[in-house]
């Protein structure tokens, strides 16, 4: 896939996640439980971030 195609895929994923987050309850914006050490929320956040980095590397690595 071309660099432009990769960028389009990433932008679409980002926008879909933003839309989904905007429809979720208000507390997710303010609570920030993923910042609390040792919580399941922190583990899930890091797992999601690591998965996103893997996706980026797959798109950017020939």
N, C-alpha and C. Protein backbone atom coordinates (compact mmCIF):
# COMPACT_ATOMS: atom_id res chain seq x y z
N UNK A 1 0.85 -1.18 0.00
CA UNK A 1 0.00 0.00 0.00
C UNK A 1 0.89 1.24 0.00
N UNK A 2 0.44 2.28 -0.67
CA UNK A 2 1.22 3.51 -0.75
C UNK A 2 1.19 4.27 0.58
N UNK A 3 2.09 5.22 0.71
CA UNK A 3 2.13 6.04 1.92
C UNK A 3 0.81 6.79 2.10
N UNK A 4 0.24 7.26 0.99
CA UNK A 4 -1.04 7.97 1.06
C UNK A 4 -2.15 7.02 1.51
N UNK A 5 -2.11 5.80 1.01
CA UNK A 5 -3.10 4.80 1.43
C UNK A 5 -2.97 4.46 2.89
N UNK A 6 -1.73 4.31 3.35
CA UNK A 6 -1.50 4.04 4.77
C UNK A 6 -2.02 5.17 5.64
N UNK A 7 -1.75 6.40 5.22
CA UNK A 7 -2.22 7.55 5.98
C UNK A 7 -3.74 7.58 6.02
N UNK A 8 -4.38 7.28 4.91
CA UNK A 8 -5.84 7.26 4.87
C UNK A 8 -6.41 6.22 5.83
N UNK A 9 -5.78 5.05 5.90
CA UNK A 9 -6.22 4.00 6.82
C UNK A 9 -6.10 4.48 8.26
N UNK A 10 -4.97 5.09 8.59
CA UNK A 10 -4.75 5.57 9.96
C UNK A 10 -5.73 6.68 10.32
N UNK A 11 -5.97 7.59 9.41
CA UNK A 11 -6.92 8.67 9.68
C UNK A 11 -8.33 8.13 9.90
N UNK A 12 -8.72 7.15 9.09
CA UNK A 12 -10.05 6.56 9.25
C UNK A 12 -10.18 5.86 10.59
N UNK A 13 -9.16 5.10 10.98
CA UNK A 13 -9.19 4.42 12.28
C UNK A 13 -9.29 5.43 13.41
N UNK A 14 -8.47 6.47 13.32
CA UNK A 14 -8.49 7.51 14.36
C UNK A 14 -9.87 8.16 14.46
N UNK A 15 -10.45 8.50 13.32
CA UNK A 15 -11.74 9.17 13.32
C UNK A 15 -12.85 8.27 13.86
N UNK A 16 -12.81 6.99 13.52
CA UNK A 16 -13.82 6.06 14.04
C UNK A 16 -13.72 5.93 15.56
N UNK A 17 -12.49 5.86 16.05
CA UNK A 17 -12.30 5.77 17.50
C UNK A 17 -12.76 7.06 18.18
N UNK A 18 -12.42 8.21 17.60
CA UNK A 18 -12.88 9.49 18.15
C UNK A 18 -14.40 9.55 18.22
N UNK A 19 -15.05 9.14 17.14
CA UNK A 19 -16.51 9.14 17.11
C UNK A 19 -17.08 8.24 18.19
N UNK A 20 -16.51 7.06 18.33
CA UNK A 20 -16.98 6.12 19.34
C UNK A 20 -16.79 6.71 20.73
N UNK A 21 -15.62 7.27 20.99
CA UNK A 21 -15.35 7.87 22.30
C UNK A 21 -16.30 9.01 22.60
N UNK A 22 -16.64 9.79 21.59
CA UNK A 22 -17.56 10.91 21.79
C UNK A 22 -18.95 10.44 22.20
N UNK A 23 -19.31 9.23 21.82
CA UNK A 23 -20.63 8.69 22.18
C UNK A 23 -20.64 7.98 23.53
N UNK A 24 -19.48 7.79 24.11
CA UNK A 24 -19.41 7.09 25.40
C UNK A 24 -19.76 8.05 26.53
N UNK A 25 -19.89 7.50 27.70
CA UNK A 25 -20.28 8.33 28.83
C UNK A 25 -19.23 9.39 29.13
N UNK A 26 -19.70 10.47 29.72
CA UNK A 26 -18.85 11.62 30.02
C UNK A 26 -17.67 11.29 30.92
N UNK A 27 -17.86 10.36 31.83
CA UNK A 27 -16.82 10.10 32.83
C UNK A 27 -15.50 9.65 32.21
N UNK A 28 -15.54 9.09 31.02
CA UNK A 28 -14.28 8.61 30.43
C UNK A 28 -13.33 9.76 30.11
N UNK A 29 -13.87 10.95 29.93
CA UNK A 29 -13.03 12.11 29.64
C UNK A 29 -12.31 12.60 30.89
N UNK A 30 -12.95 12.43 32.05
CA UNK A 30 -12.44 13.06 33.26
C UNK A 30 -11.78 12.10 34.25
N UNK A 31 -12.17 10.84 34.27
CA UNK A 31 -11.67 9.94 35.32
C UNK A 31 -10.21 9.55 35.15
N UNK A 32 -9.78 9.25 33.96
CA UNK A 32 -8.37 8.94 33.68
C UNK A 32 -7.82 7.82 34.56
N UNK A 33 -8.61 6.77 34.76
CA UNK A 33 -8.18 5.65 35.61
C UNK A 33 -6.94 4.94 35.07
N UNK A 34 -6.68 5.09 33.79
CA UNK A 34 -5.50 4.44 33.21
C UNK A 34 -4.20 5.01 33.77
N UNK A 35 -4.28 6.13 34.47
CA UNK A 35 -3.08 6.72 35.07
C UNK A 35 -2.76 6.13 36.44
N UNK A 36 -3.70 5.37 37.00
CA UNK A 36 -3.50 4.78 38.33
C UNK A 36 -2.70 3.48 38.20
N UNK A 37 -1.51 3.47 38.80
CA UNK A 37 -0.62 2.32 38.69
C UNK A 37 -1.27 1.05 39.21
N UNK A 38 -1.09 -0.03 38.47
CA UNK A 38 -1.55 -1.34 38.90
C UNK A 38 -3.02 -1.62 38.66
N UNK A 39 -3.72 -0.72 37.98
CA UNK A 39 -5.15 -0.93 37.74
C UNK A 39 -5.36 -1.68 36.42
N UNK A 40 -6.50 -2.38 36.31
CA UNK A 40 -6.81 -3.01 35.02
C UNK A 40 -6.89 -1.98 33.89
N UNK A 41 -7.38 -0.78 34.21
CA UNK A 41 -7.49 0.26 33.19
C UNK A 41 -6.12 0.62 32.62
N UNK A 42 -5.11 0.66 33.49
CA UNK A 42 -3.76 0.98 33.03
C UNK A 42 -3.24 -0.13 32.11
N UNK A 43 -3.50 -1.37 32.50
CA UNK A 43 -3.07 -2.50 31.67
C UNK A 43 -3.75 -2.47 30.32
N UNK A 44 -5.07 -2.25 30.29
CA UNK A 44 -5.79 -2.18 29.02
C UNK A 44 -5.30 -1.03 28.16
N UNK A 45 -5.03 0.11 28.77
CA UNK A 45 -4.55 1.27 28.02
C UNK A 45 -3.23 0.94 27.35
N UNK A 46 -2.30 0.37 28.11
CA UNK A 46 -0.99 0.04 27.54
C UNK A 46 -1.11 -1.04 26.47
N UNK A 47 -1.99 -1.99 26.66
CA UNK A 47 -2.20 -3.02 25.64
C UNK A 47 -2.71 -2.37 24.35
N UNK A 48 -3.67 -1.48 24.48
CA UNK A 48 -4.20 -0.80 23.30
C UNK A 48 -3.15 0.05 22.60
N UNK A 49 -2.33 0.73 23.39
CA UNK A 49 -1.27 1.57 22.82
C UNK A 49 -0.24 0.71 22.09
N UNK A 50 0.13 -0.40 22.70
CA UNK A 50 1.09 -1.31 22.07
C UNK A 50 0.51 -1.88 20.77
N UNK A 51 -0.77 -2.21 20.78
CA UNK A 51 -1.42 -2.72 19.57
C UNK A 51 -1.42 -1.66 18.47
N UNK A 52 -1.66 -0.41 18.85
CA UNK A 52 -1.64 0.68 17.88
C UNK A 52 -0.25 0.85 17.28
N UNK A 53 0.77 0.75 18.12
CA UNK A 53 2.14 0.85 17.60
C UNK A 53 2.45 -0.30 16.64
N UNK A 54 1.99 -1.50 16.97
CA UNK A 54 2.18 -2.64 16.06
C UNK A 54 1.51 -2.37 14.72
N UNK A 55 0.28 -1.85 14.76
CA UNK A 55 -0.43 -1.53 13.51
C UNK A 55 0.34 -0.50 12.69
N UNK A 56 0.85 0.52 13.35
CA UNK A 56 1.63 1.55 12.65
C UNK A 56 2.87 0.95 12.00
N UNK A 57 3.58 0.12 12.75
CA UNK A 57 4.79 -0.49 12.21
C UNK A 57 4.48 -1.38 11.02
N UNK A 58 3.37 -2.10 11.05
CA UNK A 58 2.98 -2.94 9.92
C UNK A 58 2.70 -2.10 8.68
N UNK A 59 2.09 -0.93 8.89
CA UNK A 59 1.79 -0.07 7.75
C UNK A 59 3.04 0.63 7.20
N UNK A 60 3.97 0.93 8.08
CA UNK A 60 5.13 1.72 7.67
C UNK A 60 6.33 0.89 7.23
N UNK A 61 6.33 -0.39 7.58
CA UNK A 61 7.46 -1.25 7.24
C UNK A 61 7.15 -2.00 5.95
N UNK A 62 8.03 -1.84 4.95
CA UNK A 62 7.77 -2.52 3.66
C UNK A 62 7.85 -4.03 3.77
